Amino acid sequence: MSIRTEHGYGPLTVTVGWLDNCPNCNNDKVSVTGWSVSPDTLWAGDEAVCTKCGHKGEIDADGENAWVEWDGVKESSHD
């Protein structure tokens, strides 16, 4: 158990509308979970989840900007 968890500190989740739209459903709201997130500050490695369809990704950041590296979208087969 980490010292953070032991003392009642855990990851935080915020919902933001300024990241890349979900490639699966085009929703613009993303829930981001990480240790130091705020509605204005996200960190590389934070978990991103579309609030509409649950599609997942990961935050990437360069110090000034942040964006979502979305997991691949599975194409449906029409056989």
C-alpha atoms as a PDB file:
ATOM      1  CA  MET A   1       0.000   0.000   0.000  1.00  0.00           C
ATOM      2  CA  SER A   2       1.380   3.399  -0.923  1.00  0.00           C
ATOM      3  CA  ILE A   3       1.774   6.101   1.709  1.00  0.00           C
ATOM      4  CA  ARG A   4      -0.815   8.215  -0.153  1.00  0.00           C
ATOM      5  CA  THR A   5      -3.409   5.447   0.019  1.00  0.00           C
ATOM      6  CA  GLU A   6      -2.520   4.663   3.618  1.00  0.00           C
ATOM      7  CA  HIS A   7      -3.335   8.262   4.634  1.00  0.00           C
ATOM      8  CA  GLY A   8      -6.543   8.544   2.617  1.00  0.00           C
ATOM      9  CA  TYR A   9      -5.196  10.274  -0.480  1.00  0.00           C
ATOM     10  CA  GLY A  10      -6.106   8.774  -3.800  1.00  0.00           C
ATOM     11  CA  PRO A  11      -6.331   9.727  -7.425  1.00  0.00           C
ATOM     12  CA  LEU A  12      -8.729  12.536  -8.330  1.00  0.00           C
ATOM     13  CA  THR A  13     -11.155  12.604 -11.257  1.00  0.00           C
ATOM     14  CA  VAL A  14     -12.184  15.765 -13.098  1.00  0.00           C
ATOM     15  CA  THR A  15     -14.383  16.216 -16.163  1.00  0.00           C
ATOM     16  CA  VAL A  16     -13.146  18.588 -18.853  1.00  0.00           C
ATOM     17  CA  GLY A  17     -14.521  19.740 -22.187  1.00  0.00           C
ATOM     18  CA  TRP A  18     -11.396  21.199 -23.777  1.00  0.00           C
ATOM     19  CA  LEU A  19      -9.579  18.032 -24.905  1.00  0.00           C
ATOM     20  CA  ASP A  20      -9.789  16.148 -28.199  1.00  0.00           C
ATOM     21  CA  ASN A  21     -13.244  14.748 -28.975  1.00  0.00           C
ATOM     22  CA  CYS A  22     -13.727  11.011 -28.557  1.00  0.00           C
ATOM     23  CA  PRO A  23     -12.950   9.256 -31.875  1.00  0.00           C
ATOM     24  CA  ASN A  24     -15.622   6.650 -31.143  1.00  0.00           C
ATOM     25  CA  CYS A  25     -18.670   8.894 -30.541  1.00  0.00           C
ATOM     26  CA  ASN A  26     -17.392  12.504 -31.037  1.00  0.00           C
ATOM     27  CA  ASN A  27     -18.333  13.470 -27.447  1.00  0.00           C
ATOM     28  CA  ASP A  28     -16.408  16.482 -26.119  1.00  0.00           C
ATOM     29  CA  LYS A  29     -16.481  15.627 -22.390  1.00  0.00           C
ATOM     30  CA  VAL A  30     -13.688  13.523 -20.898  1.00  0.00           C
ATOM     31  CA  SER A  31     -13.207  12.250 -17.336  1.00  0.00           C
ATOM     32  CA  VAL A  32      -9.531  12.396 -16.387  1.00  0.00           C
ATOM     33  CA  THR A  33      -8.127  10.537 -13.388  1.00  0.00           C
ATOM     34  CA  GLY A  34      -4.688  11.181 -11.907  1.00  0.00           C
ATOM     35  CA  TRP A  35      -2.832  12.139  -8.738  1.00  0.00           C
ATOM     36  CA  SER A  36      -2.513  15.884  -9.393  1.00  0.00           C
ATOM     37  CA  VAL A  37      -5.280  16.716 -11.859  1.00  0.00           C
ATOM     38  CA  SER A  38      -7.390  19.858 -11.806  1.00  0.00           C
ATOM     39  CA  PRO A  39      -9.845  21.188 -14.403  1.00  0.00           C
ATOM     40  CA  ASP A  40      -6.985  23.311 -15.788  1.00  0.00           C
ATOM     41  CA  THR A  41      -3.935  21.071 -15.298  1.00  0.00           C
ATOM     42  CA  LEU A  42      -3.501  17.520 -16.573  1.00  0.00           C
ATOM     43  CA  TRP A  43      -0.375  15.390 -16.602  1.00  0.00           C
ATOM     44  CA  ALA A  44       1.100  12.862 -19.026  1.00  0.00           C
ATOM     45  CA  GLY A  45      -0.031   9.393 -18.012  1.00  0.00           C
ATOM     46  CA  ASP A  46      -3.375  10.447 -16.525  1.00  0.00           C
ATOM     47  CA  GLU A  47      -6.241   8.133 -17.510  1.00  0.00           C
ATOM     48  CA  ALA A  48      -8.890   9.555 -19.875  1.00  0.00           C
ATOM     49  CA  VAL A  49     -12.383   8.102 -20.366  1.00  0.00           C
ATOM     50  CA  CYS A  50     -15.167   9.411 -22.617  1.00  0.00           C
ATOM     51  CA  THR A  51     -18.162  10.352 -20.460  1.00  0.00           C
ATOM     52  CA  LYS A  52     -20.601   9.145 -23.136  1.00  0.00           C
ATOM     53  CA  CYS A  53     -19.320   5.808 -24.456  1.00  0.00           C
ATOM     54  CA  GLY A  54     -16.507   4.885 -22.054  1.00  0.00           C
ATOM     55  CA  HIS A  55     -13.786   4.831 -24.733  1.00  0.00           C
ATOM     56  CA  LYS A  56     -10.371   5.041 -23.039  1.00  0.00           C
ATOM     57  CA  GLY A  57      -7.150   6.858 -23.648  1.00  0.00           C
ATOM     58  CA  GLU A  58      -4.219   8.454 -21.892  1.00  0.00           C
ATOM     59  CA  ILE A  59      -3.231  12.068 -21.442  1.00  0.00           C
ATOM     60  CA  ASP A  60      -0.028  13.271 -23.066  1.00  0.00           C
ATOM     61  CA  ALA A  61       1.423  16.693 -22.305  1.00  0.00           C
ATOM     62  CA  ASP A  62       4.378  18.851 -23.268  1.00  0.00           C
ATOM     63  CA  GLY A  63       4.487  21.312 -20.367  1.00  0.00           C
ATOM     64  CA  GLU A  64       2.119  23.844 -21.923  1.00  0.00           C
ATOM     65  CA  ASN A  65      -0.518  21.744 -23.676  1.00  0.00           C
ATOM     66  CA  ALA A  66      -2.306  18.482 -22.963  1.00  0.00           C
ATOM     67  CA  TRP A  67      -4.187  16.137 -25.289  1.00  0.00           C
ATOM     68  CA  VAL A  68      -5.640  12.626 -25.330  1.00  0.00           C
ATOM     69  CA  GLU A  69      -3.902   9.723 -27.025  1.00  0.00           C
ATOM     70  CA  TRP A  70      -7.086   7.702 -27.570  1.00  0.00           C
ATOM     71  CA  ASP A  71      -7.005   3.906 -27.762  1.00  0.00           C
ATOM     72  CA  GLY A  72      -7.752   2.555 -31.227  1.00  0.00           C
ATOM     73  CA  VAL A  73     -11.362   2.411 -32.398  1.00  0.00           C
ATOM     74  CA  LYS A  74     -12.557  -1.036 -33.417  1.00  0.00           C
ATOM     75  CA  GLU A  75     -14.279  -1.049 -36.773  1.00  0.00           C
ATOM     76  CA  SER A  76     -17.504  -3.024 -36.930  1.00  0.00           C
ATOM     77  CA  SER A  77     -17.660  -5.751 -39.546  1.00  0.00           C
ATOM     78  CA  HIS A  78     -20.650  -5.883 -41.854  1.00  0.00           C
ATOM     79  CA  ASP A  79     -20.351  -9.450 -43.208  1.00  0.00           C
END
